[in-house]
Amino acid sequence: MDTLTLLGLLLAVVFFAAAWQAWRIGNERRDVALLGVGGGVSAAGAALSFML
């Protein structure tokens, strides 16, 4: 596994964990959605780098 793929997956996991924590403590939906989108983009980038 390439280093870029590993870092992208790690970033996606961190974003999703932060979104889950933010949702759990009751932050605004906008902030939780922004963290979720960041995690999704990171996961998509990791998947793309894995395929290439």
PDB file of N, CA and C in Angstrom:
ATOM      1  N   MET A   1       0.852  -1.177   0.000  1.00  0.00           N
ATOM      2  CA  MET A   1       0.000   0.000   0.000  1.00  0.00           C
ATOM      3  C   MET A   1       0.897   1.240   0.000  1.00  0.00           C
ATOM      4  N   ASP A   2       0.553   2.145  -0.845  1.00  0.00           N
ATOM      5  CA  ASP A   2       1.318   3.370  -1.009  1.00  0.00           C
ATOM      6  C   ASP A   2       1.143   4.285   0.215  1.00  0.00           C
ATOM      7  N   THR A   3       2.123   5.114   0.461  1.00  0.00           N
ATOM      8  CA  THR A   3       2.068   6.035   1.594  1.00  0.00           C
ATOM      9  C   THR A   3       0.931   7.040   1.455  1.00  0.00           C
ATOM     10  N   LEU A   4       0.686   7.509   0.253  1.00  0.00           N
ATOM     11  CA  LEU A   4      -0.404   8.465   0.012  1.00  0.00           C
ATOM     12  C   LEU A   4      -1.763   7.842   0.333  1.00  0.00           C
ATOM     13  N   THR A   5      -1.932   6.588  -0.038  1.00  0.00           N
ATOM     14  CA  THR A   5      -3.186   5.890   0.251  1.00  0.00           C
ATOM     15  C   THR A   5      -3.369   5.726   1.755  1.00  0.00           C
ATOM     16  N   LEU A   6      -2.329   5.337   2.426  1.00  0.00           N
ATOM     17  CA  LEU A   6      -2.399   5.147   3.870  1.00  0.00           C
ATOM     18  C   LEU A   6      -2.710   6.451   4.599  1.00  0.00           C
ATOM     19  N   LEU A   7      -2.078   7.521   4.197  1.00  0.00           N
ATOM     20  CA  LEU A   7      -2.350   8.815   4.818  1.00  0.00           C
ATOM     21  C   LEU A   7      -3.759   9.307   4.514  1.00  0.00           C
ATOM     22  N   GLY A   8      -4.242   9.063   3.316  1.00  0.00           N
ATOM     23  CA  GLY A   8      -5.619   9.437   2.967  1.00  0.00           C
ATOM     24  C   GLY A   8      -6.638   8.674   3.794  1.00  0.00           C
ATOM     25  N   LEU A   9      -6.401   7.381   3.985  1.00  0.00           N
ATOM     26  CA  LEU A   9      -7.297   6.590   4.819  1.00  0.00           C
ATOM     27  C   LEU A   9      -7.255   7.036   6.270  1.00  0.00           C
ATOM     28  N   LEU A  10      -6.083   7.342   6.764  1.00  0.00           N
ATOM     29  CA  LEU A  10      -5.946   7.817   8.136  1.00  0.00           C
ATOM     30  C   LEU A  10      -6.672   9.149   8.329  1.00  0.00           C
ATOM     31  N   LEU A  11      -6.535  10.035   7.373  1.00  0.00           N
ATOM     32  CA  LEU A  11      -7.225  11.323   7.441  1.00  0.00           C
ATOM     33  C   LEU A  11      -8.740  11.137   7.396  1.00  0.00           C
ATOM     34  N   ALA A  12      -9.210  10.221   6.558  1.00  0.00           N
ATOM     35  CA  ALA A  12     -10.648   9.948   6.479  1.00  0.00           C
ATOM     36  C   ALA A  12     -11.170   9.409   7.801  1.00  0.00           C
ATOM     37  N   VAL A  13     -10.435   8.510   8.420  1.00  0.00           N
ATOM     38  CA  VAL A  13     -10.854   7.949   9.711  1.00  0.00           C
ATOM     39  C   VAL A  13     -10.903   9.032  10.778  1.00  0.00           C
ATOM     40  N   VAL A  14      -9.927   9.908  10.786  1.00  0.00           N
ATOM     41  CA  VAL A  14      -9.901  10.986  11.778  1.00  0.00           C
ATOM     42  C   VAL A  14     -11.075  11.946  11.565  1.00  0.00           C
ATOM     43  N   PHE A  15     -11.359  12.286  10.310  1.00  0.00           N
ATOM     44  CA  PHE A  15     -12.501  13.159  10.022  1.00  0.00           C
ATOM     45  C   PHE A  15     -13.818  12.516  10.451  1.00  0.00           C
ATOM     46  N   PHE A  16     -13.994  11.234  10.144  1.00  0.00           N
ATOM     47  CA  PHE A  16     -15.232  10.553  10.513  1.00  0.00           C
ATOM     48  C   PHE A  16     -15.362  10.434  12.027  1.00  0.00           C
ATOM     49  N   ALA A  17     -14.261  10.186  12.726  1.00  0.00           N
ATOM     50  CA  ALA A  17     -14.307  10.120  14.190  1.00  0.00           C
ATOM     51  C   ALA A  17     -14.647  11.483  14.775  1.00  0.00           C
ATOM     52  N   ALA A  18     -14.093  12.538  14.214  1.00  0.00           N
ATOM     53  CA  ALA A  18     -14.396  13.886  14.696  1.00  0.00           C
ATOM     54  C   ALA A  18     -15.854  14.243  14.415  1.00  0.00           C
ATOM     55  N   ALA A  19     -16.376  13.816  13.259  1.00  0.00           N
ATOM     56  CA  ALA A  19     -17.781  14.076  12.939  1.00  0.00           C
ATOM     57  C   ALA A  19     -18.694  13.325  13.904  1.00  0.00           C
ATOM     58  N   TRP A  20     -18.349  12.106  14.219  1.00  0.00           N
ATOM     59  CA  TRP A  20     -19.150  11.326  15.153  1.00  0.00           C
ATOM     60  C   TRP A  20     -19.156  11.970  16.539  1.00  0.00           C
ATOM     61  N   GLN A  21     -17.977  12.410  16.990  1.00  0.00           N
ATOM     62  CA  GLN A  21     -17.891  13.079  18.297  1.00  0.00           C
ATOM     63  C   GLN A  21     -18.680  14.383  18.295  1.00  0.00           C
ATOM     64  N   ALA A  22     -18.584  15.134  17.218  1.00  0.00           N
ATOM     65  CA  ALA A  22     -19.312  16.401  17.127  1.00  0.00           C
ATOM     66  C   ALA A  22     -20.821  16.151  17.131  1.00  0.00           C
ATOM     67  N   TRP A  23     -21.267  15.117  16.440  1.00  0.00           N
ATOM     68  CA  TRP A  23     -22.687  14.785  16.435  1.00  0.00           C
ATOM     69  C   TRP A  23     -23.144  14.340  17.824  1.00  0.00           C
ATOM     70  N   ARG A  24     -22.279  13.579  18.489  1.00  0.00           N
ATOM     71  CA  ARG A  24     -22.625  13.049  19.807  1.00  0.00           C
ATOM     72  C   ARG A  24     -22.778  14.139  20.857  1.00  0.00           C
ATOM     73  N   ILE A  25     -21.945  15.168  20.803  1.00  0.00           N
ATOM     74  CA  ILE A  25     -22.039  16.226  21.816  1.00  0.00           C
ATOM     75  C   ILE A  25     -23.024  17.315  21.413  1.00  0.00           C
ATOM     76  N   GLY A  26     -23.586  17.220  20.228  1.00  0.00           N
ATOM     77  CA  GLY A  26     -24.652  18.132  19.842  1.00  0.00           C
ATOM     78  C   GLY A  26     -24.220  19.391  19.133  1.00  0.00           C
ATOM     79  N   ASN A  27     -23.146  19.333  18.376  1.00  0.00           N
ATOM     80  CA  ASN A  27     -22.753  20.503  17.587  1.00  0.00           C
ATOM     81  C   ASN A  27     -23.776  20.761  16.489  1.00  0.00           C
ATOM     82  N   GLU A  28     -23.652  21.898  15.854  1.00  0.00           N
ATOM     83  CA  GLU A  28     -24.587  22.245  14.779  1.00  0.00           C
ATOM     84  C   GLU A  28     -24.460  21.256  13.622  1.00  0.00           C
ATOM     85  N   ARG A  29     -25.592  21.047  12.952  1.00  0.00           N
ATOM     86  CA  ARG A  29     -25.610  20.094  11.836  1.00  0.00           C
ATOM     87  C   ARG A  29     -24.648  20.505  10.731  1.00  0.00           C
ATOM     88  N   ARG A  30     -24.488  21.790  10.544  1.00  0.00           N
ATOM     89  CA  ARG A  30     -23.592  22.296   9.500  1.00  0.00           C
ATOM     90  C   ARG A  30     -22.151  21.857   9.758  1.00  0.00           C
ATOM     91  N   ASP A  31     -21.711  21.926  11.026  1.00  0.00           N
ATOM     92  CA  ASP A  31     -20.343  21.536  11.364  1.00  0.00           C
ATOM     93  C   ASP A  31     -20.129  20.037  11.202  1.00  0.00           C
ATOM     94  N   VAL A  32     -21.124  19.263  11.623  1.00  0.00           N
ATOM     95  CA  VAL A  32     -21.021  17.811  11.484  1.00  0.00           C
ATOM     96  C   VAL A  32     -20.994  17.427  10.004  1.00  0.00           C
ATOM     97  N   ALA A  33     -21.812  18.086   9.197  1.00  0.00           N
ATOM     98  CA  ALA A  33     -21.840  17.803   7.764  1.00  0.00           C
ATOM     99  C   ALA A  33     -20.507  18.162   7.109  1.00  0.00           C
ATOM    100  N   LEU A  34     -19.915  19.262   7.529  1.00  0.00           N
ATOM    101  CA  LEU A  34     -18.625  19.657   6.961  1.00  0.00           C
ATOM    102  C   LEU A  34     -17.545  18.626   7.275  1.00  0.00           C
ATOM    103  N   LEU A  35     -17.523  18.119   8.493  1.00  0.00           N
ATOM    104  CA  LEU A  35     -16.559  17.077   8.848  1.00  0.00           C
ATOM    105  C   LEU A  35     -16.831  15.791   8.071  1.00  0.00           C
ATOM    106  N   GLY A  36     -18.099  15.459   7.893  1.00  0.00           N
ATOM    107  CA  GLY A  36     -18.444  14.269   7.127  1.00  0.00           C
ATOM    108  C   GLY A  36     -18.038  14.372   5.669  1.00  0.00           C
ATOM    109  N   VAL A  37     -18.233  15.541   5.096  1.00  0.00           N
ATOM    110  CA  VAL A  37     -17.814  15.754   3.706  1.00  0.00           C
ATOM    111  C   VAL A  37     -16.299  15.672   3.579  1.00  0.00           C
ATOM    112  N   GLY A  38     -15.593  16.235   4.545  1.00  0.00           N
ATOM    113  CA  GLY A  38     -14.133  16.127   4.534  1.00  0.00           C
ATOM    114  C   GLY A  38     -13.665  14.685   4.596  1.00  0.00           C
ATOM    115  N   GLY A  39     -14.338  13.894   5.421  1.00  0.00           N
ATOM    116  CA  GLY A  39     -13.998  12.470   5.510  1.00  0.00           C
ATOM    117  C   GLY A  39     -14.308  11.738   4.216  1.00  0.00           C
ATOM    118  N   GLY A  40     -15.428  12.078   3.594  1.00  0.00           N
ATOM    119  CA  GLY A  40     -15.788  11.438   2.334  1.00  0.00           C
ATOM    120  C   GLY A  40     -14.823  11.777   1.211  1.00  0.00           C
ATOM    121  N   VAL A  41     -14.421  13.018   1.160  1.00  0.00           N
ATOM    122  CA  VAL A  41     -13.455  13.427   0.125  1.00  0.00           C
ATOM    123  C   VAL A  41     -12.108  12.746   0.349  1.00  0.00           C
ATOM    124  N   SER A  42     -11.699  12.647   1.602  1.00  0.00           N
ATOM    125  CA  SER A  42     -10.438  11.966   1.906  1.00  0.00           C
ATOM    126  C   SER A  42     -10.510  10.485   1.559  1.00  0.00           C
ATOM    127  N   ALA A  43     -11.647   9.859   1.857  1.00  0.00           N
ATOM    128  CA  ALA A  43     -11.811   8.444   1.519  1.00  0.00           C
ATOM    129  C   ALA A  43     -11.834   8.244   0.006  1.00  0.00           C
ATOM    130  N   ALA A  44     -12.477   9.151  -0.712  1.00  0.00           N
ATOM    131  CA  ALA A  44     -12.497   9.054  -2.177  1.00  0.00           C
ATOM    132  C   ALA A  44     -11.102   9.242  -2.757  1.00  0.00           C
ATOM    133  N   GLY A  45     -10.349  10.166  -2.196  1.00  0.00           N
ATOM    134  CA  GLY A  45      -8.971  10.358  -2.663  1.00  0.00           C
ATOM    135  C   GLY A  45      -8.099   9.155  -2.380  1.00  0.00           C
ATOM    136  N   ALA A  46      -8.293   8.524  -1.219  1.00  0.00           N
ATOM    137  CA  ALA A  46      -7.525   7.331  -0.895  1.00  0.00           C
ATOM    138  C   ALA A  46      -7.895   6.180  -1.845  1.00  0.00           C
ATOM    139  N   ALA A  47      -9.191   6.052  -2.151  1.00  0.00           N
ATOM    140  CA  ALA A  47      -9.618   4.997  -3.078  1.00  0.00           C
ATOM    141  C   ALA A  47      -9.056   5.241  -4.475  1.00  0.00           C
ATOM    142  N   LEU A  48      -9.042   6.494  -4.888  1.00  0.00           N
ATOM    143  CA  LEU A  48      -8.495   6.817  -6.204  1.00  0.00           C
ATOM    144  C   LEU A  48      -6.989   6.545  -6.264  1.00  0.00           C
ATOM    145  N   SER A  49      -6.270   6.919  -5.208  1.00  0.00           N
ATOM    146  CA  SER A  49      -4.826   6.664  -5.202  1.00  0.00           C
ATOM    147  C   SER A  49      -4.523   5.175  -5.100  1.00  0.00           C
ATOM    148  N   PHE A  50      -5.425   4.401  -4.481  1.00  0.00           N
ATOM    149  CA  PHE A  50      -5.228   2.953  -4.423  1.00  0.00           C
ATOM    150  C   PHE A  50      -5.396   2.324  -5.792  1.00  0.00           C
ATOM    151  N   MET A  51      -6.372   2.853  -6.580  1.00  0.00           N
ATOM    152  CA  MET A  51      -6.608   2.310  -7.915  1.00  0.00           C
ATOM    153  C   MET A  51      -5.512   2.686  -8.892  1.00  0.00           C
ATOM    154  N   LEU A  52      -4.911   3.833  -8.693  1.00  0.00           N
ATOM    155  CA  LEU A  52      -3.868   4.260  -9.622  1.00  0.00           C
ATOM    156  C   LEU A  52      -2.577   3.628  -9.207  1.00  0.00           C
TER     157      LEU A  52
END
